[in-house]
Amino acid sequence: MSRDEPLTPFDPAVAPAPARPPDPATYAYLLGVHLGAGRVAVRLNGRAPVLRLSLAAAYPGIVDECSAAIAVTSHGGPVDVHTPRTGDLQVLESAWEQWPAVLPQHAPAEDRRAGIALAPWQRQIVQAHPGALVRG
């Protein structure tokens, strides 16, 4: 499928089972935030991968909105929020086994230099909700 080829409306059945977002617009927003301020840490010790978003503490409304988006996308999973010693950030963390499937762009920043490619099912969501992605 070429980049310019129109995509069909989002069909949740096309996405991998764990990545079927309950709310595609919320997912598009979270994807945008993740690509700009987040990462998924895949642990080698058998514990669940962790989504981490580092956000400016000066914008508590955005922190709350991101926390809600994480909870919705992870089907109600808990979100921990903490403030590092510097006090200028709020770090949101969510441990969930499915984060690598839901956000497959979890490579370290140095691996992202070549570009970020969305999975076909993600492109369908982004095409349907481009404003939510950009807002994120």
Protein backbone atom coordinates (compact mmCIF):
# COMPACT_ATOMS: atom_id res chain seq x y z
CA MET A 1 0.00 0.00 0.00
CA SER A 2 1.47 3.34 -0.98
CA ARG A 3 1.53 6.33 1.32
CA ASP A 4 -0.90 8.20 -0.96
CA GLU A 5 -3.35 5.34 -1.35
CA PRO A 6 -6.60 6.12 0.49
CA LEU A 7 -7.24 3.96 3.50
CA THR A 8 -10.49 2.29 4.34
CA PRO A 9 -12.34 3.31 7.52
CA PHE A 10 -10.75 1.90 10.67
CA ASP A 11 -11.68 -1.69 11.26
CA PRO A 12 -10.67 -2.78 14.77
CA ALA A 13 -10.43 -6.36 13.56
CA VAL A 14 -7.41 -5.35 11.42
CA ALA A 15 -5.39 -4.31 14.47
CA PRO A 16 -3.61 -6.91 16.57
CA ALA A 17 -6.00 -8.04 19.32
CA PRO A 18 -4.34 -6.13 22.20
CA ALA A 19 -4.03 -2.99 20.10
CA ARG A 20 -7.72 -2.56 19.41
CA PRO A 21 -8.20 0.78 21.10
CA PRO A 22 -11.56 1.27 22.79
CA ASP A 23 -11.57 4.91 21.59
CA PRO A 24 -9.60 5.56 18.37
CA ALA A 25 -9.55 9.37 18.84
CA THR A 26 -8.08 8.97 22.32
CA TYR A 27 -5.55 6.52 20.92
CA ALA A 28 -4.53 9.00 18.19
CA TYR A 29 -3.95 11.66 20.88
CA LEU A 30 -1.90 9.27 23.02
CA LEU A 31 0.12 8.18 19.98
CA GLY A 32 0.97 11.83 19.29
CA VAL A 33 2.06 12.40 22.88
CA HIS A 34 4.06 9.16 22.87
CA LEU A 35 5.91 10.10 19.69
CA GLY A 36 6.83 13.48 21.13
CA ALA A 37 7.36 12.87 24.83
CA GLY A 38 7.25 9.19 25.56
CA ARG A 39 8.85 5.81 25.36
CA VAL A 40 8.04 2.23 26.17
CA ALA A 41 10.65 0.56 28.33
CA VAL A 42 10.69 -3.16 27.67
CA ARG A 43 12.05 -4.89 30.74
CA LEU A 44 14.25 -7.94 30.53
CA ASN A 45 13.36 -9.24 33.99
CA GLY A 46 9.94 -10.53 32.98
CA ARG A 47 8.00 -7.59 34.35
CA ALA A 48 5.47 -5.75 32.20
CA PRO A 49 6.74 -3.08 29.80
CA VAL A 50 6.22 0.49 31.01
CA LEU A 51 4.94 3.46 29.04
CA ARG A 52 6.64 6.64 30.29
CA LEU A 53 5.58 10.13 29.30
CA SER A 54 7.58 13.13 30.49
CA LEU A 55 5.40 16.24 30.48
CA ALA A 56 5.83 19.83 31.62
CA ALA A 57 4.48 20.23 35.16
CA ALA A 58 3.39 23.77 34.23
CA TYR A 59 0.46 22.27 32.28
CA PRO A 60 -1.52 20.11 34.74
CA GLY A 61 -4.50 19.93 32.38
CA ILE A 62 -2.36 18.20 29.78
CA VAL A 63 -0.98 15.83 32.41
CA ASP A 64 -4.55 14.94 33.45
CA GLU A 65 -5.65 14.47 29.84
CA CYS A 66 -2.68 12.20 29.10
CA SER A 67 -3.34 10.20 32.25
CA ALA A 68 -6.95 9.69 31.16
CA ALA A 69 -5.85 8.71 27.64
CA ILE A 70 -3.47 6.09 29.05
CA ALA A 71 -6.22 4.66 31.26
CA VAL A 72 -8.68 4.45 28.36
CA THR A 73 -6.19 2.94 25.92
CA SER A 74 -4.95 0.37 28.45
CA HIS A 75 -8.54 -0.65 29.22
CA GLY A 76 -8.53 0.86 32.71
CA GLY A 77 -4.94 0.16 33.67
CA PRO A 78 -3.46 2.24 36.50
CA VAL A 79 -1.35 5.31 35.80
CA ASP A 80 1.30 6.50 38.25
CA VAL A 81 2.28 10.17 38.20
CA HIS A 82 5.39 11.42 39.93
CA THR A 83 7.50 14.55 39.95
CA PRO A 84 11.29 14.24 39.64
CA ARG A 85 13.42 16.33 42.00
CA THR A 86 13.76 19.14 39.48
CA GLY A 87 10.03 19.79 39.82
CA ASP A 88 9.58 20.96 36.23
CA LEU A 89 8.27 17.63 34.93
CA GLN A 90 5.46 15.22 35.63
CA VAL A 91 6.30 11.65 34.64
CA LEU A 92 3.38 9.36 33.88
CA GLU A 93 4.03 5.63 34.02
CA SER A 94 1.81 2.72 33.12
CA ALA A 95 2.88 -0.91 33.24
CA TRP A 96 0.97 -3.09 30.78
CA GLU A 97 2.04 -6.18 28.91
CA GLN A 98 0.49 -4.90 25.68
CA TRP A 99 2.26 -1.50 25.32
CA PRO A 100 4.77 -2.79 22.71
CA ALA A 101 1.87 -3.98 20.52
CA VAL A 102 -0.24 -0.88 21.12
CA LEU A 103 2.67 1.53 20.56
CA PRO A 104 5.05 -0.41 18.31
CA GLN A 105 7.22 2.71 17.80
CA HIS A 106 8.99 2.06 21.11
CA ALA A 107 12.57 1.98 19.85
CA PRO A 108 15.10 4.22 21.58
CA ALA A 109 15.35 7.75 20.15
CA GLU A 110 18.60 6.98 18.33
CA ASP A 111 16.79 4.21 16.41
CA ARG A 112 14.04 6.65 15.37
CA ARG A 113 16.37 8.88 13.34
CA ALA A 114 15.59 7.02 10.14
CA GLY A 115 11.92 7.94 10.57
CA ILE A 116 8.84 6.62 12.24
CA ALA A 117 6.56 4.28 10.35
CA LEU A 118 3.02 3.63 11.47
CA ALA A 119 1.46 0.19 11.23
CA PRO A 120 -1.42 0.06 8.72
CA TRP A 121 -4.03 -0.07 11.49
CA GLN A 122 -2.43 3.00 13.13
CA ARG A 123 -2.50 4.86 9.83
CA GLN A 124 -6.23 4.17 9.59
CA ILE A 125 -6.78 5.68 13.03
CA VAL A 126 -4.57 8.69 12.28
CA GLN A 127 -6.36 9.29 8.98
CA ALA A 128 -9.68 9.31 10.81
CA HIS A 129 -8.40 11.49 13.70
CA PRO A 130 -5.50 13.64 12.42
CA GLY A 131 -6.31 16.54 14.74
CA ALA A 132 -6.03 14.32 17.81
CA LEU A 133 -2.60 13.07 16.71
CA VAL A 134 -1.30 16.58 16.07
CA ARG A 135 -2.73 17.85 19.34
CA GLY A 136 -0.83 15.11 21.13
